[in-house]
Amino acid sequence: MITNLGNPKAGVFAVSVLPQFVTAKGPVFLSTVALGALWALVSASWYMLLTWAVRRGRALVSRPAVLRGLSVTTGVVLLGLGAAVIAGA
């Protein structure tokens, strides 16, 4: 909720998109509140999934073997980029 309140784009999205799905035949206020609650649920689920994935990724990347592999891969990529710069010069 704090993320969406601090993001002006979320307000613009709510004002421009949510009214398209509210019909004048039913209760407008309740429909708008229901859509807002659904949007909040989807956003909260997304951020919880993202937090879980980052936590799992951090645990994976913290392993010494993975850190060593990342260092080797980064070194090889940087050497390849340096060779490409030299070859192009």
PDB file of N, CA and C in Angstrom:
ATOM      1  N   MET A   1       0.818  -1.183   0.000  1.00  0.00           N
ATOM      2  CA  MET A   1       0.000   0.000   0.000  1.00  0.00           C
ATOM      3  C   MET A   1       0.867   1.253   0.000  1.00  0.00           C
ATOM      4  N   ILE A   2       1.943   1.230   0.778  1.00  0.00           N
ATOM      5  CA  ILE A   2       2.837   2.390   0.846  1.00  0.00           C
ATOM      6  C   ILE A   2       3.484   2.632  -0.511  1.00  0.00           C
ATOM      7  N   THR A   3       3.842   1.555  -1.195  1.00  0.00           N
ATOM      8  CA  THR A   3       4.451   1.692  -2.515  1.00  0.00           C
ATOM      9  C   THR A   3       3.494   2.383  -3.483  1.00  0.00           C
ATOM     10  N   ASN A   4       2.236   1.970  -3.469  1.00  0.00           N
ATOM     11  CA  ASN A   4       1.268   2.581  -4.379  1.00  0.00           C
ATOM     12  C   ASN A   4       0.924   4.005  -3.972  1.00  0.00           C
ATOM     13  N   LEU A   5       0.882   4.286  -2.674  1.00  0.00           N
ATOM     14  CA  LEU A   5       0.572   5.648  -2.238  1.00  0.00           C
ATOM     15  C   LEU A   5       1.708   6.616  -2.582  1.00  0.00           C
ATOM     16  N   GLY A   6       2.925   6.121  -2.598  1.00  0.00           N
ATOM     17  CA  GLY A   6       4.062   6.971  -2.923  1.00  0.00           C
ATOM     18  C   GLY A   6       4.328   7.089  -4.414  1.00  0.00           C
ATOM     19  N   ASN A   7       3.534   6.422  -5.210  1.00  0.00           N
ATOM     20  CA  ASN A   7       3.754   6.398  -6.645  1.00  0.00           C
ATOM     21  C   ASN A   7       2.603   7.143  -7.337  1.00  0.00           C
ATOM     22  N   PRO A   8       2.839   8.310  -7.889  1.00  0.00           N
ATOM     23  CA  PRO A   8       1.744   9.044  -8.541  1.00  0.00           C
ATOM     24  C   PRO A   8       1.188   8.319  -9.757  1.00  0.00           C
ATOM     25  N   LYS A   9       1.975   7.458 -10.376  1.00  0.00           N
ATOM     26  CA  LYS A   9       1.474   6.715 -11.531  1.00  0.00           C
ATOM     27  C   LYS A   9       0.341   5.772 -11.132  1.00  0.00           C
ATOM     28  N   ALA A  10       0.378   5.280  -9.890  1.00  0.00           N
ATOM     29  CA  ALA A  10      -0.689   4.387  -9.438  1.00  0.00           C
ATOM     30  C   ALA A  10      -2.019   5.139  -9.382  1.00  0.00           C
ATOM     31  N   GLY A  11      -2.006   6.368  -8.930  1.00  0.00           N
ATOM     32  CA  GLY A  11      -3.225   7.167  -8.901  1.00  0.00           C
ATOM     33  C   GLY A  11      -3.747   7.464 -10.289  1.00  0.00           C
ATOM     34  N   VAL A  12      -2.852   7.778 -11.197  1.00  0.00           N
ATOM     35  CA  VAL A  12      -3.256   8.039 -12.584  1.00  0.00           C
ATOM     36  C   VAL A  12      -3.848   6.775 -13.192  1.00  0.00           C
ATOM     37  N   PHE A  13      -3.238   5.653 -12.907  1.00  0.00           N
ATOM     38  CA  PHE A  13      -3.760   4.376 -13.403  1.00  0.00           C
ATOM     39  C   PHE A  13      -5.163   4.119 -12.863  1.00  0.00           C
ATOM     40  N   ALA A  14      -5.339   4.327 -11.555  1.00  0.00           N
ATOM     41  CA  ALA A  14      -6.639   4.078 -10.939  1.00  0.00           C
ATOM     42  C   ALA A  14      -7.716   4.979 -11.537  1.00  0.00           C
ATOM     43  N   VAL A  15      -7.409   6.234 -11.714  1.00  0.00           N
ATOM     44  CA  VAL A  15      -8.401   7.184 -12.232  1.00  0.00           C
ATOM     45  C   VAL A  15      -8.700   6.920 -13.704  1.00  0.00           C
ATOM     46  N   SER A  16      -7.728   6.445 -14.459  1.00  0.00           N
ATOM     47  CA  SER A  16      -7.950   6.276 -15.894  1.00  0.00           C
ATOM     48  C   SER A  16      -8.435   4.884 -16.285  1.00  0.00           C
ATOM     49  N   VAL A  17      -8.100   3.858 -15.536  1.00  0.00           N
ATOM     50  CA  VAL A  17      -8.442   2.499 -15.957  1.00  0.00           C
ATOM     51  C   VAL A  17      -9.643   1.928 -15.204  1.00  0.00           C
ATOM     52  N   LEU A  18      -9.693   2.094 -13.908  1.00  0.00           N
ATOM     53  CA  LEU A  18     -10.766   1.468 -13.139  1.00  0.00           C
ATOM     54  C   LEU A  18     -12.173   1.888 -13.572  1.00  0.00           C
ATOM     55  N   PRO A  19     -12.443   3.160 -13.881  1.00  0.00           N
ATOM     56  CA  PRO A  19     -13.808   3.526 -14.280  1.00  0.00           C
ATOM     57  C   PRO A  19     -14.301   2.823 -15.545  1.00  0.00           C
ATOM     58  N   GLN A  20     -13.418   2.338 -16.372  1.00  0.00           N
ATOM     59  CA  GLN A  20     -13.830   1.650 -17.592  1.00  0.00           C
ATOM     60  C   GLN A  20     -14.563   0.350 -17.291  1.00  0.00           C
ATOM     61  N   PHE A  21     -14.309  -0.227 -16.109  1.00  0.00           N
ATOM     62  CA  PHE A  21     -14.887  -1.512 -15.754  1.00  0.00           C
ATOM     63  C   PHE A  21     -16.079  -1.384 -14.811  1.00  0.00           C
ATOM     64  N   VAL A  22     -16.509  -0.179 -14.536  1.00  0.00           N
ATOM     65  CA  VAL A  22     -17.662   0.058 -13.677  1.00  0.00           C
ATOM     66  C   VAL A  22     -18.836   0.443 -14.569  1.00  0.00           C
ATOM     67  N   THR A  23     -19.953  -0.277 -14.402  1.00  0.00           N
ATOM     68  CA  THR A  23     -21.138   0.033 -15.203  1.00  0.00           C
ATOM     69  C   THR A  23     -22.095   0.898 -14.397  1.00  0.00           C
ATOM     70  N   ALA A  24     -22.873   1.673 -15.098  1.00  0.00           N
ATOM     71  CA  ALA A  24     -23.844   2.536 -14.437  1.00  0.00           C
ATOM     72  C   ALA A  24     -25.076   1.753 -13.992  1.00  0.00           C
ATOM     73  N   LYS A  25     -25.228   0.510 -14.440  1.00  0.00           N
ATOM     74  CA  LYS A  25     -26.396  -0.302 -14.101  1.00  0.00           C
ATOM     75  C   LYS A  25     -26.338  -0.842 -12.674  1.00  0.00           C
ATOM     76  N   GLY A  26     -25.139  -0.971 -12.124  1.00  0.00           N
ATOM     77  CA  GLY A  26     -24.997  -1.534 -10.787  1.00  0.00           C
ATOM     78  C   GLY A  26     -24.556  -0.483  -9.791  1.00  0.00           C
ATOM     79  N   PRO A  27     -24.216  -0.929  -8.592  1.00  0.00           N
ATOM     80  CA  PRO A  27     -23.735   0.009  -7.573  1.00  0.00           C
ATOM     81  C   PRO A  27     -22.331   0.513  -7.929  1.00  0.00           C
ATOM     82  N   VAL A  28     -22.227   1.738  -8.323  1.00  0.00           N
ATOM     83  CA  VAL A  28     -20.966   2.305  -8.808  1.00  0.00           C
ATOM     84  C   VAL A  28     -19.918   2.323  -7.703  1.00  0.00           C
ATOM     85  N   PHE A  29     -20.299   2.807  -6.525  1.00  0.00           N
ATOM     86  CA  PHE A  29     -19.328   2.929  -5.439  1.00  0.00           C
ATOM     87  C   PHE A  29     -18.799   1.566  -5.029  1.00  0.00           C
ATOM     88  N   LEU A  30     -19.687   0.588  -4.836  1.00  0.00           N
ATOM     89  CA  LEU A  30     -19.250  -0.747  -4.418  1.00  0.00           C
ATOM     90  C   LEU A  30     -18.408  -1.425  -5.497  1.00  0.00           C
ATOM     91  N   SER A  31     -18.765  -1.212  -6.751  1.00  0.00           N
ATOM     92  CA  SER A  31     -17.964  -1.788  -7.843  1.00  0.00           C
ATOM     93  C   SER A  31     -16.566  -1.195  -7.855  1.00  0.00           C
ATOM     94  N   THR A  32     -16.480   0.108  -7.647  1.00  0.00           N
ATOM     95  CA  THR A  32     -15.175   0.767  -7.631  1.00  0.00           C
ATOM     96  C   THR A  32     -14.342   0.287  -6.453  1.00  0.00           C
ATOM     97  N   VAL A  33     -14.966   0.155  -5.296  1.00  0.00           N
ATOM     98  CA  VAL A  33     -14.252  -0.342  -4.111  1.00  0.00           C
ATOM     99  C   VAL A  33     -13.797  -1.779  -4.328  1.00  0.00           C
ATOM    100  N   ALA A  34     -14.649  -2.607  -4.929  1.00  0.00           N
ATOM    101  CA  ALA A  34     -14.277  -3.995  -5.200  1.00  0.00           C
ATOM    102  C   ALA A  34     -13.100  -4.074  -6.174  1.00  0.00           C
ATOM    103  N   LEU A  35     -13.126  -3.256  -7.219  1.00  0.00           N
ATOM    104  CA  LEU A  35     -12.006  -3.242  -8.163  1.00  0.00           C
ATOM    105  C   LEU A  35     -10.724  -2.752  -7.495  1.00  0.00           C
ATOM    106  N   GLY A  36     -10.852  -1.738  -6.645  1.00  0.00           N
ATOM    107  CA  GLY A  36      -9.682  -1.250  -5.908  1.00  0.00           C
ATOM    108  C   GLY A  36      -9.126  -2.310  -4.977  1.00  0.00           C
ATOM    109  N   ALA A  37     -10.021  -3.055  -4.309  1.00  0.00           N
ATOM    110  CA  ALA A  37      -9.570  -4.132  -3.420  1.00  0.00           C
ATOM    111  C   ALA A  37      -8.887  -5.244  -4.215  1.00  0.00           C
ATOM    112  N   LEU A  38      -9.438  -5.566  -5.369  1.00  0.00           N
ATOM    113  CA  LEU A  38      -8.813  -6.579  -6.223  1.00  0.00           C
ATOM    114  C   LEU A  38      -7.437  -6.125  -6.692  1.00  0.00           C
ATOM    115  N   TRP A  39      -7.335  -4.868  -7.070  1.00  0.00           N
ATOM    116  CA  TRP A  39      -6.051  -4.321  -7.490  1.00  0.00           C
ATOM    117  C   TRP A  39      -5.049  -4.360  -6.341  1.00  0.00           C
ATOM    118  N   ALA A  40      -5.486  -4.019  -5.133  1.00  0.00           N
ATOM    119  CA  ALA A  40      -4.609  -4.073  -3.961  1.00  0.00           C
ATOM    120  C   ALA A  40      -4.169  -5.499  -3.680  1.00  0.00           C
ATOM    121  N   LEU A  41      -5.071  -6.461  -3.833  1.00  0.00           N
ATOM    122  CA  LEU A  41      -4.723  -7.861  -3.614  1.00  0.00           C
ATOM    123  C   LEU A  41      -3.697  -8.348  -4.628  1.00  0.00           C
ATOM    124  N   VAL A  42      -3.897  -7.997  -5.878  1.00  0.00           N
ATOM    125  CA  VAL A  42      -2.949  -8.399  -6.926  1.00  0.00           C
ATOM    126  C   VAL A  42      -1.581  -7.748  -6.680  1.00  0.00           C
ATOM    127  N   SER A  43      -1.574  -6.468  -6.322  1.00  0.00           N
ATOM    128  CA  SER A  43      -0.310  -5.773  -6.050  1.00  0.00           C
ATOM    129  C   SER A  43       0.402  -6.380  -4.855  1.00  0.00           C
ATOM    130  N   ALA A  44      -0.342  -6.659  -3.789  1.00  0.00           N
ATOM    131  CA  ALA A  44       0.269  -7.258  -2.603  1.00  0.00           C
ATOM    132  C   ALA A  44       0.826  -8.638  -2.918  1.00  0.00           C
ATOM    133  N   SER A  45       0.094  -9.413  -3.701  1.00  0.00           N
ATOM    134  CA  SER A  45       0.580 -10.743  -4.088  1.00  0.00           C
ATOM    135  C   SER A  45       1.862 -10.637  -4.909  1.00  0.00           C
ATOM    136  N   TRP A  46       1.884  -9.696  -5.835  1.00  0.00           N
ATOM    137  CA  TRP A  46       3.066  -9.500  -6.666  1.00  0.00           C
ATOM    138  C   TRP A  46       4.278  -9.132  -5.820  1.00  0.00           C
ATOM    139  N   TYR A  47       4.106  -8.179  -4.897  1.00  0.00           N
ATOM    140  CA  TYR A  47       5.233  -7.757  -4.079  1.00  0.00           C
ATOM    141  C   TYR A  47       5.678  -8.854  -3.117  1.00  0.00           C
ATOM    142  N   MET A  48       4.744  -9.672  -2.635  1.00  0.00           N
ATOM    143  CA  MET A  48       5.136 -10.795  -1.777  1.00  0.00           C
ATOM    144  C   MET A  48       5.922 -11.831  -2.581  1.00  0.00           C
ATOM    145  N   LEU A  49       5.487 -12.103  -3.803  1.00  0.00           N
ATOM    146  CA  LEU A  49       6.210 -13.034  -4.673  1.00  0.00           C
ATOM    147  C   LEU A  49       7.600 -12.494  -5.003  1.00  0.00           C
ATOM    148  N   LEU A  50       7.684 -11.213  -5.292  1.00  0.00           N
ATOM    149  CA  LEU A  50       8.968 -10.598  -5.592  1.00  0.00           C
ATOM    150  C   LEU A  50       9.907 -10.658  -4.380  1.00  0.00           C
ATOM    151  N   THR A  51       9.377 -10.381  -3.194  1.00  0.00           N
ATOM    152  CA  THR A  51      10.181 -10.455  -1.979  1.00  0.00           C
ATOM    153  C   THR A  51      10.673 -11.867  -1.734  1.00  0.00           C
ATOM    154  N   TRP A  52       9.800 -12.842  -1.940  1.00  0.00           N
ATOM    155  CA  TRP A  52      10.194 -14.238  -1.764  1.00  0.00           C
ATOM    156  C   TRP A  52      11.297 -14.624  -2.761  1.00  0.00           C
ATOM    157  N   ALA A  53      11.146 -14.207  -4.014  1.00  0.00           N
ATOM    158  CA  ALA A  53      12.142 -14.546  -5.042  1.00  0.00           C
ATOM    159  C   ALA A  53      13.489 -13.896  -4.745  1.00  0.00           C
ATOM    160  N   VAL A  54      13.476 -12.657  -4.280  1.00  0.00           N
ATOM    161  CA  VAL A  54      14.734 -11.986  -3.949  1.00  0.00           C
ATOM    162  C   VAL A  54      15.408 -12.679  -2.771  1.00  0.00           C
ATOM    163  N   ARG A  55      14.633 -13.084  -1.774  1.00  0.00           N
ATOM    164  CA  ARG A  55      15.199 -13.788  -0.626  1.00  0.00           C
ATOM    165  C   ARG A  55      15.826 -15.111  -1.055  1.00  0.00           C
ATOM    166  N   ARG A  56      15.128 -15.856  -1.923  1.00  0.00           N
ATOM    167  CA  ARG A  56      15.677 -17.120  -2.421  1.00  0.00           C
ATOM    168  C   ARG A  56      16.920 -16.873  -3.276  1.00  0.00           C
ATOM    169  N   GLY A  57      16.867 -15.839  -4.109  1.00  0.00           N
ATOM    170  CA  GLY A  57      18.023 -15.520  -4.940  1.00  0.00           C
ATOM    171  C   GLY A  57      19.220 -15.103  -4.123  1.00  0.00           C
ATOM    172  N   ARG A  58      18.980 -14.367  -3.050  1.00  0.00           N
ATOM    173  CA  ARG A  58      20.087 -13.944  -2.184  1.00  0.00           C
ATOM    174  C   ARG A  58      20.728 -15.154  -1.519  1.00  0.00           C
ATOM    175  N   ALA A  59      19.909 -16.101  -1.067  1.00  0.00           N
ATOM    176  CA  ALA A  59      20.454 -17.311  -0.452  1.00  0.00           C
ATOM    177  C   ALA A  59      21.261 -18.107  -1.468  1.00  0.00           C
ATOM    178  N   LEU A  60      20.815 -18.135  -2.705  1.00  0.00           N
ATOM    179  CA  LEU A  60      21.534 -18.867  -3.750  1.00  0.00           C
ATOM    180  C   LEU A  60      22.851 -18.190  -4.100  1.00  0.00           C
ATOM    181  N   VAL A  61      22.818 -16.895  -4.284  1.00  0.00           N
ATOM    182  CA  VAL A  61      24.010 -16.154  -4.703  1.00  0.00           C
ATOM    183  C   VAL A  61      25.048 -16.065  -3.583  1.00  0.00           C
ATOM    184  N   SER A  62      24.638 -16.235  -2.351  1.00  0.00           N
ATOM    185  CA  SER A  62      25.572 -16.145  -1.228  1.00  0.00           C
ATOM    186  C   SER A  62      26.451 -17.380  -1.081  1.00  0.00           C
ATOM    187  N   ARG A  63      26.152 -18.438  -1.789  1.00  0.00           N
ATOM    188  CA  ARG A  63      26.960 -19.659  -1.697  1.00  0.00           C
ATOM    189  C   ARG A  63      28.328 -19.412  -2.331  1.00  0.00           C
ATOM    190  N   PRO A  64      29.396 -19.927  -1.700  1.00  0.00           N
ATOM    191  CA  PRO A  64      30.753 -19.697  -2.237  1.00  0.00           C
ATOM    192  C   PRO A  64      30.945 -20.211  -3.661  1.00  0.00           C
ATOM    193  N   ALA A  65      30.392 -21.361  -3.976  1.00  0.00           N
ATOM    194  CA  ALA A  65      30.568 -21.904  -5.329  1.00  0.00           C
ATOM    195  C   ALA A  65      29.900 -21.009  -6.370  1.00  0.00           C
ATOM    196  N   VAL A  66      28.731 -20.481  -6.053  1.00  0.00           N
ATOM    197  CA  VAL A  66      28.031 -19.595  -6.986  1.00  0.00           C
ATOM    198  C   VAL A  66      28.786 -18.279  -7.130  1.00  0.00           C
ATOM    199  N   LEU A  67      29.290 -17.745  -6.012  1.00  0.00           N
ATOM    200  CA  LEU A  67      30.075 -16.508  -6.073  1.00  0.00           C
ATOM    201  C   LEU A  67      31.316 -16.694  -6.944  1.00  0.00           C
ATOM    202  N   ARG A  68      31.976 -17.831  -6.801  1.00  0.00           N
ATOM    203  CA  ARG A  68      33.160 -18.113  -7.615  1.00  0.00           C
ATOM    204  C   ARG A  68      32.782 -18.203  -9.091  1.00  0.00           C
ATOM    205  N   GLY A  69      31.677 -18.895  -9.383  1.00  0.00           N
ATOM    206  CA  GLY A  69      31.211 -19.015 -10.772  1.00  0.00           C
ATOM    207  C   GLY A  69      30.845 -17.668 -11.370  1.00  0.00           C
ATOM    208  N   LEU A  70      30.192 -16.817 -10.567  1.00  0.00           N
ATOM    209  CA  LEU A  70      29.858 -15.478 -11.053  1.00  0.00           C
ATOM    210  C   LEU A  70      31.109 -14.649 -11.315  1.00  0.00           C
ATOM    211  N   SER A  71      32.103 -14.786 -10.452  1.00  0.00           N
ATOM    212  CA  SER A  71      33.355 -14.049 -10.654  1.00  0.00           C
ATOM    213  C   SER A  71      34.064 -14.498 -11.920  1.00  0.00           C
ATOM    214  N   VAL A  72      34.104 -15.789 -12.142  1.00  0.00           N
ATOM    215  CA  VAL A  72      34.749 -16.314 -13.356  1.00  0.00           C
ATOM    216  C   VAL A  72      33.983 -15.859 -14.597  1.00  0.00           C
ATOM    217  N   THR A  73      32.665 -15.968 -14.556  1.00  0.00           N
ATOM    218  CA  THR A  73      31.855 -15.561 -15.702  1.00  0.00           C
ATOM    219  C   THR A  73      32.017 -14.073 -15.992  1.00  0.00           C
ATOM    220  N   THR A  74      32.004 -13.261 -14.941  1.00  0.00           N
ATOM    221  CA  THR A  74      32.192 -11.826 -15.119  1.00  0.00           C
ATOM    222  C   THR A  74      33.561 -11.521 -15.709  1.00  0.00           C
ATOM    223  N   GLY A  75      34.580 -12.201 -15.221  1.00  0.00           N
ATOM    224  CA  GLY A  75      35.923 -11.992 -15.750  1.00  0.00           C
ATOM    225  C   GLY A  75      36.025 -12.353 -17.218  1.00  0.00           C
ATOM    226  N   VAL A  76      35.433 -13.478 -17.612  1.00  0.00           N
ATOM    227  CA  VAL A  76      35.473 -13.906 -19.011  1.00  0.00           C
ATOM    228  C   VAL A  76      34.725 -12.899 -19.893  1.00  0.00           C
ATOM    229  N   VAL A  77      33.569 -12.421 -19.414  1.00  0.00           N
ATOM    230  CA  VAL A  77      32.809 -11.443 -20.196  1.00  0.00           C
ATOM    231  C   VAL A  77      33.603 -10.150 -20.351  1.00  0.00           C
ATOM    232  N   LEU A  78      34.225  -9.681 -19.279  1.00  0.00           N
ATOM    233  CA  LEU A  78      35.017  -8.452 -19.369  1.00  0.00           C
ATOM    234  C   LEU A  78      36.228  -8.620 -20.283  1.00  0.00           C
ATOM    235  N   LEU A  79      36.876  -9.770 -20.228  1.00  0.00           N
ATOM    236  CA  LEU A  79      37.993 -10.025 -21.152  1.00  0.00           C
ATOM    237  C   LEU A  79      37.501 -10.042 -22.602  1.00  0.00           C
ATOM    238  N   GLY A  80      36.330 -10.653 -22.824  1.00  0.00           N
ATOM    239  CA  GLY A  80      35.771 -10.676 -24.172  1.00  0.00           C
ATOM    240  C   GLY A  80      35.409  -9.289 -24.663  1.00  0.00           C
ATOM    241  N   LEU A  81      34.825  -8.470 -23.792  1.00  0.00           N
ATOM    242  CA  LEU A  81      34.521  -7.089 -24.181  1.00  0.00           C
ATOM    243  C   LEU A  81      35.785  -6.278 -24.458  1.00  0.00           C
ATOM    244  N   GLY A  82      36.802  -6.494 -23.659  1.00  0.00           N
ATOM    245  CA  GLY A  82      38.081  -5.801 -23.892  1.00  0.00           C
ATOM    246  C   GLY A  82      38.701  -6.220 -25.213  1.00  0.00           C
ATOM    247  N   ALA A  83      38.640  -7.517 -25.521  1.00  0.00           N
ATOM    248  CA  ALA A  83      39.168  -8.003 -26.804  1.00  0.00           C
ATOM    249  C   ALA A  83      38.377  -7.417 -27.964  1.00  0.00           C
ATOM    250  N   ALA A  84      37.058  -7.284 -27.792  1.00  0.00           N
ATOM    251  CA  ALA A  84      36.229  -6.694 -28.867  1.00  0.00           C
ATOM    252  C   ALA A  84      36.579  -5.237 -29.070  1.00  0.00           C
ATOM    253  N   VAL A  85      36.869  -4.517 -27.986  1.00  0.00           N
ATOM    254  CA  VAL A  85      37.245  -3.108 -28.111  1.00  0.00           C
ATOM    255  C   VAL A  85      38.579  -2.983 -28.827  1.00  0.00           C
ATOM    256  N   ILE A  86      39.521  -3.829 -28.437  1.00  0.00           N
ATOM    257  CA  ILE A  86      40.846  -3.801 -29.075  1.00  0.00           C
ATOM    258  C   ILE A  86      40.745  -4.151 -30.554  1.00  0.00           C
ATOM    259  N   ALA A  87      39.955  -5.162 -30.881  1.00  0.00           N
ATOM    260  CA  ALA A  87      39.812  -5.586 -32.267  1.00  0.00           C
ATOM    261  C   ALA A  87      39.122  -4.506 -33.117  1.00  0.00           C
ATOM    262  N   GLY A  88      38.225  -3.748 -32.494  1.00  0.00           N
ATOM    263  CA  GLY A  88      37.520  -2.711 -33.229  1.00  0.00           C
ATOM    264  C   GLY A  88      38.307  -1.427 -33.377  1.00  0.00           C
ATOM    265  N   ALA A  89      39.364  -1.244 -32.604  1.00  0.00           N
ATOM    266  CA  ALA A  89      40.112   0.004 -32.627  1.00  0.00           C
ATOM    267  C   ALA A  89      41.101   0.081 -33.740  1.00  0.00           C
TER     268      ALA A  89
END
